[in-house]
Amino acid sequence: QVQVVESGGGLVQAGGSLRLSCAASGRTFRSSGMGWFRQAPGKEREFVAAILWIGTSTAYADSVKGRFFISGDNAKNTVYLQMNSLKVEDTAVYYCAASTGRGWDTGAYWGQGTRVTVSS
């Protein structure tokens, strides 16, 4: 079985920064990529950022471009999300996913989430 665990969430003031960490572990598991999603109260879960190990390509939601940066270590199935210039709108539970290559919805392992609260 694959376990995914996130950490680094917390309460911060608007304009501040946080760095989230995520690690996926399994006896023989090797992800094709890892990503971050978030869900605010009353809202659908939305894509935030992802990194694919092939070519180390990255992708970001328009709402976080220029503020959030994703990085990772393929060998360790580990990913980070550096969040800068945080806004109140960034408040959400952030989930990490490790992809098997079949897509995020049906081909990924998910963590339990880490809560990020941005206050004004």
N, C-alpha and C. Protein backbone atom coordinates (compact mmCIF):
# COMPACT_ATOMS: atom_id res chain seq x y z
N GLN A 1 0.84 -1.18 0.00
CA GLN A 1 0.00 0.00 0.00
C GLN A 1 0.89 1.24 0.00
N VAL A 2 0.35 2.30 -0.56
CA VAL A 2 1.06 3.56 -0.64
C VAL A 2 0.47 4.55 0.35
N GLN A 3 1.34 5.18 1.10
CA GLN A 3 0.92 6.19 2.05
C GLN A 3 1.45 7.55 1.62
N VAL A 4 0.59 8.54 1.65
CA VAL A 4 0.96 9.90 1.29
C VAL A 4 0.67 10.79 2.49
N VAL A 5 1.65 11.56 2.90
CA VAL A 5 1.47 12.42 4.06
C VAL A 5 2.00 13.81 3.79
N GLU A 6 1.18 14.82 4.13
CA GLU A 6 1.54 16.22 3.96
C GLU A 6 1.86 16.85 5.32
N SER A 7 2.63 17.90 5.28
CA SER A 7 2.93 18.65 6.49
C SER A 7 3.29 20.08 6.12
N GLY A 8 3.31 20.95 7.10
CA GLY A 8 3.74 22.32 6.89
C GLY A 8 2.65 23.36 6.92
N GLY A 9 1.41 22.93 7.01
CA GLY A 9 0.31 23.89 7.06
C GLY A 9 0.30 24.65 8.37
N GLY A 10 -0.51 25.68 8.40
CA GLY A 10 -0.61 26.48 9.61
C GLY A 10 -1.38 27.76 9.37
N LEU A 11 -1.31 28.63 10.36
CA LEU A 11 -1.98 29.92 10.30
C LEU A 11 -0.95 31.00 10.04
N VAL A 12 -1.16 31.78 9.00
CA VAL A 12 -0.23 32.85 8.65
C VAL A 12 -0.98 34.12 8.29
N GLN A 13 -0.29 35.23 8.39
CA GLN A 13 -0.85 36.51 7.98
C GLN A 13 -0.75 36.66 6.47
N ALA A 14 -1.68 37.40 5.90
CA ALA A 14 -1.62 37.69 4.48
C ALA A 14 -0.28 38.33 4.14
N GLY A 15 0.31 37.90 3.04
CA GLY A 15 1.62 38.38 2.65
C GLY A 15 2.75 37.51 3.13
N GLY A 16 2.46 36.58 4.00
CA GLY A 16 3.47 35.70 4.54
C GLY A 16 3.73 34.50 3.65
N SER A 17 4.56 33.61 4.14
CA SER A 17 4.95 32.43 3.37
C SER A 17 4.85 31.16 4.19
N LEU A 18 4.65 30.07 3.49
CA LEU A 18 4.67 28.75 4.09
C LEU A 18 5.27 27.79 3.08
N ARG A 19 5.86 26.73 3.58
CA ARG A 19 6.33 25.68 2.70
C ARG A 19 5.72 24.36 3.13
N LEU A 20 5.00 23.76 2.21
CA LEU A 20 4.38 22.47 2.45
C LEU A 20 5.28 21.36 1.95
N SER A 21 5.24 20.24 2.64
CA SER A 21 6.02 19.08 2.24
C SER A 21 5.11 17.89 2.11
N CYS A 22 5.49 16.97 1.24
CA CYS A 22 4.71 15.76 1.04
C CYS A 22 5.63 14.63 0.65
N ALA A 23 5.37 13.47 1.21
CA ALA A 23 6.15 12.30 0.87
C ALA A 23 5.22 11.11 0.65
N ALA A 24 5.47 10.38 -0.40
CA ALA A 24 4.73 9.16 -0.70
C ALA A 24 5.65 7.98 -0.46
N SER A 25 5.15 7.00 0.23
CA SER A 25 5.98 5.84 0.54
C SER A 25 5.25 4.55 0.22
N GLY A 26 6.01 3.59 -0.22
CA GLY A 26 5.49 2.28 -0.53
C GLY A 26 6.64 1.37 -0.87
N ARG A 27 6.44 0.09 -0.68
CA ARG A 27 7.55 -0.84 -0.85
C ARG A 27 8.20 -0.74 -2.23
N THR A 28 7.38 -0.68 -3.26
CA THR A 28 7.91 -0.61 -4.63
C THR A 28 7.34 0.56 -5.42
N PHE A 29 6.65 1.46 -4.75
CA PHE A 29 5.98 2.53 -5.45
C PHE A 29 6.94 3.58 -5.98
N ARG A 30 6.72 3.96 -7.22
CA ARG A 30 7.45 5.05 -7.84
C ARG A 30 6.44 5.88 -8.63
N SER A 31 6.26 7.09 -8.23
CA SER A 31 5.27 7.94 -8.87
C SER A 31 5.77 8.46 -10.21
N SER A 32 4.84 8.79 -11.08
CA SER A 32 5.20 9.43 -12.34
C SER A 32 5.25 10.94 -12.17
N GLY A 33 4.64 11.41 -11.11
CA GLY A 33 4.62 12.82 -10.80
C GLY A 33 3.86 13.03 -9.51
N MET A 34 3.95 14.22 -8.97
CA MET A 34 3.23 14.54 -7.75
C MET A 34 2.63 15.94 -7.88
N GLY A 35 1.57 16.14 -7.14
CA GLY A 35 0.91 17.42 -7.26
C GLY A 35 0.22 17.87 -5.99
N TRP A 36 -0.20 19.12 -6.02
CA TRP A 36 -0.92 19.73 -4.91
C TRP A 36 -2.28 20.21 -5.38
N PHE A 37 -3.27 19.93 -4.58
CA PHE A 37 -4.62 20.38 -4.80
C PHE A 37 -5.11 21.02 -3.51
N ARG A 38 -6.17 21.80 -3.60
CA ARG A 38 -6.70 22.41 -2.39
C ARG A 38 -8.21 22.47 -2.44
N GLN A 39 -8.81 22.52 -1.28
CA GLN A 39 -10.24 22.61 -1.18
C GLN A 39 -10.61 23.58 -0.07
N ALA A 40 -11.28 24.63 -0.44
CA ALA A 40 -11.76 25.61 0.52
C ALA A 40 -13.17 25.22 0.96
N PRO A 41 -13.61 25.68 2.11
CA PRO A 41 -14.95 25.35 2.58
C PRO A 41 -16.02 25.72 1.57
N GLY A 42 -16.87 24.77 1.26
CA GLY A 42 -17.95 25.01 0.32
C GLY A 42 -17.54 25.01 -1.14
N LYS A 43 -16.30 24.72 -1.41
CA LYS A 43 -15.80 24.73 -2.78
C LYS A 43 -15.33 23.36 -3.22
N GLU A 44 -15.23 23.20 -4.53
CA GLU A 44 -14.71 21.95 -5.09
C GLU A 44 -13.19 21.92 -4.93
N ARG A 45 -12.66 20.73 -4.90
CA ARG A 45 -11.22 20.60 -4.87
C ARG A 45 -10.66 21.11 -6.18
N GLU A 46 -9.59 21.90 -6.12
CA GLU A 46 -9.01 22.47 -7.31
C GLU A 46 -7.51 22.21 -7.40
N PHE A 47 -7.05 22.18 -8.62
CA PHE A 47 -5.65 21.98 -8.89
C PHE A 47 -4.84 23.20 -8.50
N VAL A 48 -3.67 22.97 -7.92
CA VAL A 48 -2.78 24.06 -7.53
C VAL A 48 -1.48 24.01 -8.32
N ALA A 49 -0.78 22.90 -8.24
CA ALA A 49 0.51 22.77 -8.92
C ALA A 49 0.88 21.30 -9.02
N ALA A 50 1.71 20.99 -9.99
CA ALA A 50 2.17 19.62 -10.15
C ALA A 50 3.55 19.59 -10.77
N ILE A 51 4.25 18.52 -10.50
CA ILE A 51 5.55 18.30 -11.11
C ILE A 51 5.58 16.88 -11.65
N LEU A 52 5.99 16.75 -12.89
CA LEU A 52 6.15 15.45 -13.51
C LEU A 52 7.63 15.15 -13.61
N TRP A 53 7.98 13.95 -13.23
CA TRP A 53 9.40 13.63 -13.14
C TRP A 53 10.09 13.59 -14.49
N ILE A 54 9.36 13.20 -15.54
CA ILE A 54 9.94 13.20 -16.87
C ILE A 54 10.14 14.64 -17.32
N GLY A 55 11.40 15.03 -17.42
CA GLY A 55 11.72 16.38 -17.82
C GLY A 55 11.53 17.39 -16.70
N THR A 56 11.07 16.90 -15.56
CA THR A 56 10.80 17.76 -14.41
C THR A 56 9.95 18.96 -14.81
N SER A 57 8.93 18.69 -15.57
CA SER A 57 8.03 19.75 -16.00
C SER A 57 7.09 20.11 -14.86
N THR A 58 6.69 21.35 -14.82
CA THR A 58 5.80 21.83 -13.78
C THR A 58 4.60 22.54 -14.38
N ALA A 59 3.55 22.61 -13.59
CA ALA A 59 2.34 23.29 -14.02
C ALA A 59 1.72 23.96 -12.80
N TYR A 60 1.09 25.11 -13.03
CA TYR A 60 0.49 25.86 -11.94
C TYR A 60 -0.88 26.38 -12.33
N ALA A 61 -1.74 26.48 -11.35
CA ALA A 61 -3.01 27.14 -11.57
C ALA A 61 -2.74 28.63 -11.75
N ASP A 62 -3.56 29.28 -12.55
CA ASP A 62 -3.36 30.70 -12.81
C ASP A 62 -3.39 31.53 -11.51
N SER A 63 -4.17 31.10 -10.56
CA SER A 63 -4.33 31.86 -9.33
C SER A 63 -3.08 31.88 -8.46
N VAL A 64 -2.14 30.97 -8.70
CA VAL A 64 -0.95 30.91 -7.86
C VAL A 64 0.33 31.16 -8.62
N LYS A 65 0.26 31.34 -9.92
CA LYS A 65 1.46 31.57 -10.72
C LYS A 65 2.21 32.80 -10.22
N GLY A 66 3.52 32.64 -10.09
CA GLY A 66 4.35 33.73 -9.62
C GLY A 66 4.46 33.82 -8.12
N ARG A 67 3.60 33.10 -7.42
CA ARG A 67 3.61 33.12 -5.96
C ARG A 67 3.99 31.77 -5.36
N PHE A 68 3.50 30.72 -5.96
CA PHE A 68 3.77 29.37 -5.48
C PHE A 68 4.79 28.69 -6.39
N PHE A 69 5.63 27.86 -5.79
CA PHE A 69 6.64 27.15 -6.55
C PHE A 69 6.73 25.71 -6.07
N ILE A 70 6.68 24.78 -7.01
CA ILE A 70 6.73 23.37 -6.67
C ILE A 70 8.10 22.81 -7.02
N SER A 71 8.59 21.94 -6.17
CA SER A 71 9.85 21.26 -6.40
C SER A 71 9.75 19.88 -5.77
N GLY A 72 10.70 19.03 -6.08
CA GLY A 72 10.63 17.71 -5.50
C GLY A 72 11.86 16.88 -5.73
N ASP A 73 11.82 15.69 -5.19
CA ASP A 73 12.90 14.73 -5.28
C ASP A 73 12.29 13.42 -5.74
N ASN A 74 12.51 13.09 -6.99
CA ASN A 74 11.94 11.88 -7.57
C ASN A 74 12.36 10.61 -6.81
N ALA A 75 13.64 10.55 -6.44
CA ALA A 75 14.15 9.37 -5.77
C ALA A 75 13.47 9.12 -4.44
N LYS A 76 13.00 10.17 -3.82
CA LYS A 76 12.37 10.06 -2.51
C LYS A 76 10.85 10.18 -2.56
N ASN A 77 10.29 10.29 -3.76
CA ASN A 77 8.85 10.50 -3.90
C ASN A 77 8.39 11.62 -2.98
N THR A 78 9.11 12.71 -3.05
CA THR A 78 8.86 13.84 -2.17
C THR A 78 8.64 15.10 -2.99
N VAL A 79 7.71 15.91 -2.54
CA VAL A 79 7.41 17.15 -3.23
C VAL A 79 7.20 18.26 -2.22
N TYR A 80 7.50 19.49 -2.64
CA TYR A 80 7.36 20.65 -1.79
C TYR A 80 6.54 21.71 -2.51
N LEU A 81 5.89 22.53 -1.75
CA LEU A 81 5.17 23.66 -2.32
C LEU A 81 5.54 24.89 -1.50
N GLN A 82 6.33 25.75 -2.11
CA GLN A 82 6.70 27.01 -1.48
C GLN A 82 5.63 28.03 -1.82
N MET A 83 4.97 28.55 -0.81
CA MET A 83 3.88 29.48 -1.01
C MET A 83 4.29 30.85 -0.48
N ASN A 84 4.35 31.81 -1.37
CA ASN A 84 4.74 33.17 -1.01
C ASN A 84 3.59 34.13 -1.26
N SER A 85 3.68 35.29 -0.66
CA SER A 85 2.67 36.33 -0.85
C SER A 85 1.27 35.77 -0.68
N LEU A 86 1.08 35.06 0.39
CA LEU A 86 -0.19 34.39 0.62
C LEU A 86 -1.34 35.37 0.76
N LYS A 87 -2.47 34.97 0.22
CA LYS A 87 -3.69 35.76 0.26
C LYS A 87 -4.74 35.01 1.06
N VAL A 88 -5.72 35.75 1.52
CA VAL A 88 -6.82 35.14 2.25
C VAL A 88 -7.50 34.07 1.40
N GLU A 89 -7.56 34.31 0.10
CA GLU A 89 -8.18 33.37 -0.82
C GLU A 89 -7.43 32.04 -0.92
N ASP A 90 -6.22 31.99 -0.42
CA ASP A 90 -5.45 30.75 -0.44
C ASP A 90 -5.84 29.82 0.70
N THR A 91 -6.66 30.29 1.60
CA THR A 91 -7.09 29.47 2.73
C THR A 91 -7.81 28.22 2.23
N ALA A 92 -7.33 27.08 2.64
CA ALA A 92 -7.90 25.81 2.19
C ALA A 92 -7.15 24.67 2.85
N VAL A 93 -7.70 23.49 2.69
CA VAL A 93 -6.97 22.29 3.04
C VAL A 93 -6.21 21.88 1.79
N TYR A 94 -4.92 21.72 1.91
CA TYR A 94 -4.08 21.37 0.78
C TYR A 94 -3.78 19.88 0.79
N TYR A 95 -4.04 19.25 -0.34
CA TYR A 95 -3.85 17.83 -0.49
C TYR A 95 -2.71 17.52 -1.45
N CYS A 96 -1.96 16.54 -1.12
CA CYS A 96 -0.88 16.07 -1.97
C CYS A 96 -1.31 14.78 -2.65
N ALA A 97 -0.93 14.63 -3.90
CA ALA A 97 -1.24 13.42 -4.64
C ALA A 97 0.00 12.89 -5.35
N ALA A 98 0.12 11.59 -5.37
CA ALA A 98 1.20 10.92 -6.08
C ALA A 98 0.58 10.14 -7.21
N SER A 99 0.95 10.49 -8.42
CA SER A 99 0.33 9.89 -9.60
C SER A 99 1.00 8.60 -10.02
N THR A 100 0.16 7.67 -10.46
CA THR A 100 0.66 6.43 -11.03
C THR A 100 0.79 6.54 -12.54
N GLY A 101 0.39 7.67 -13.09
CA GLY A 101 0.44 7.88 -14.52
C GLY A 101 -0.89 7.70 -15.21
N ARG A 102 -1.93 7.43 -14.45
CA ARG A 102 -3.27 7.21 -14.98
C ARG A 102 -4.20 8.39 -14.77
N GLY A 103 -3.65 9.51 -14.37
CA GLY A 103 -4.46 10.68 -14.11
C GLY A 103 -4.69 10.88 -12.63
N TRP A 104 -5.01 12.10 -12.26
CA TRP A 104 -5.16 12.40 -10.84
C TRP A 104 -6.41 11.80 -10.22
N ASP A 105 -7.50 11.80 -10.96
CA ASP A 105 -8.77 11.35 -10.40
C ASP A 105 -8.82 9.86 -10.10
N THR A 106 -8.31 9.06 -11.00
CA THR A 106 -8.41 7.61 -10.85
C THR A 106 -7.09 6.89 -10.69
N GLY A 107 -5.98 7.61 -10.90
CA GLY A 107 -4.70 6.95 -10.85
C GLY A 107 -3.70 7.59 -9.92
N ALA A 108 -4.17 8.05 -8.78
CA ALA A 108 -3.29 8.70 -7.82
C ALA A 108 -3.60 8.29 -6.39
N TYR A 109 -2.60 8.38 -5.57
CA TYR A 109 -2.75 8.18 -4.14
C TYR A 109 -2.77 9.55 -3.47
N TRP A 110 -3.67 9.72 -2.54
CA TRP A 110 -3.89 11.02 -1.91
C TRP A 110 -3.59 11.01 -0.42
N GLY A 111 -3.09 12.15 0.05
CA GLY A 111 -2.88 12.32 1.47
C GLY A 111 -4.15 12.82 2.14
N GLN A 112 -4.08 12.98 3.45
CA GLN A 112 -5.23 13.43 4.22
C GLN A 112 -5.39 14.94 4.24
N GLY A 113 -4.36 15.66 3.80
CA GLY A 113 -4.43 17.10 3.71
C GLY A 113 -3.78 17.81 4.88
N THR A 114 -3.36 19.03 4.63
CA THR A 114 -2.82 19.89 5.66
C THR A 114 -3.48 21.25 5.51
N ARG A 115 -3.94 21.80 6.62
CA ARG A 115 -4.73 23.01 6.57
C ARG A 115 -3.86 24.27 6.55
N VAL A 116 -4.21 25.16 5.63
CA VAL A 116 -3.56 26.45 5.53
C VAL A 116 -4.61 27.53 5.73
N THR A 117 -4.38 28.38 6.71
CA THR A 117 -5.31 29.48 6.97
C THR A 117 -4.55 30.79 6.89
N VAL A 118 -5.01 31.67 6.04
CA VAL A 118 -4.38 32.97 5.85
C VAL A 118 -5.33 34.03 6.39
N SER A 119 -4.84 34.79 7.34
CA SER A 119 -5.65 35.83 7.96
C SER A 119 -5.25 37.20 7.47
N SER A 120 -6.20 38.12 7.49
CA SER A 120 -5.94 39.50 7.10
C SER A 120 -5.76 40.39 8.31
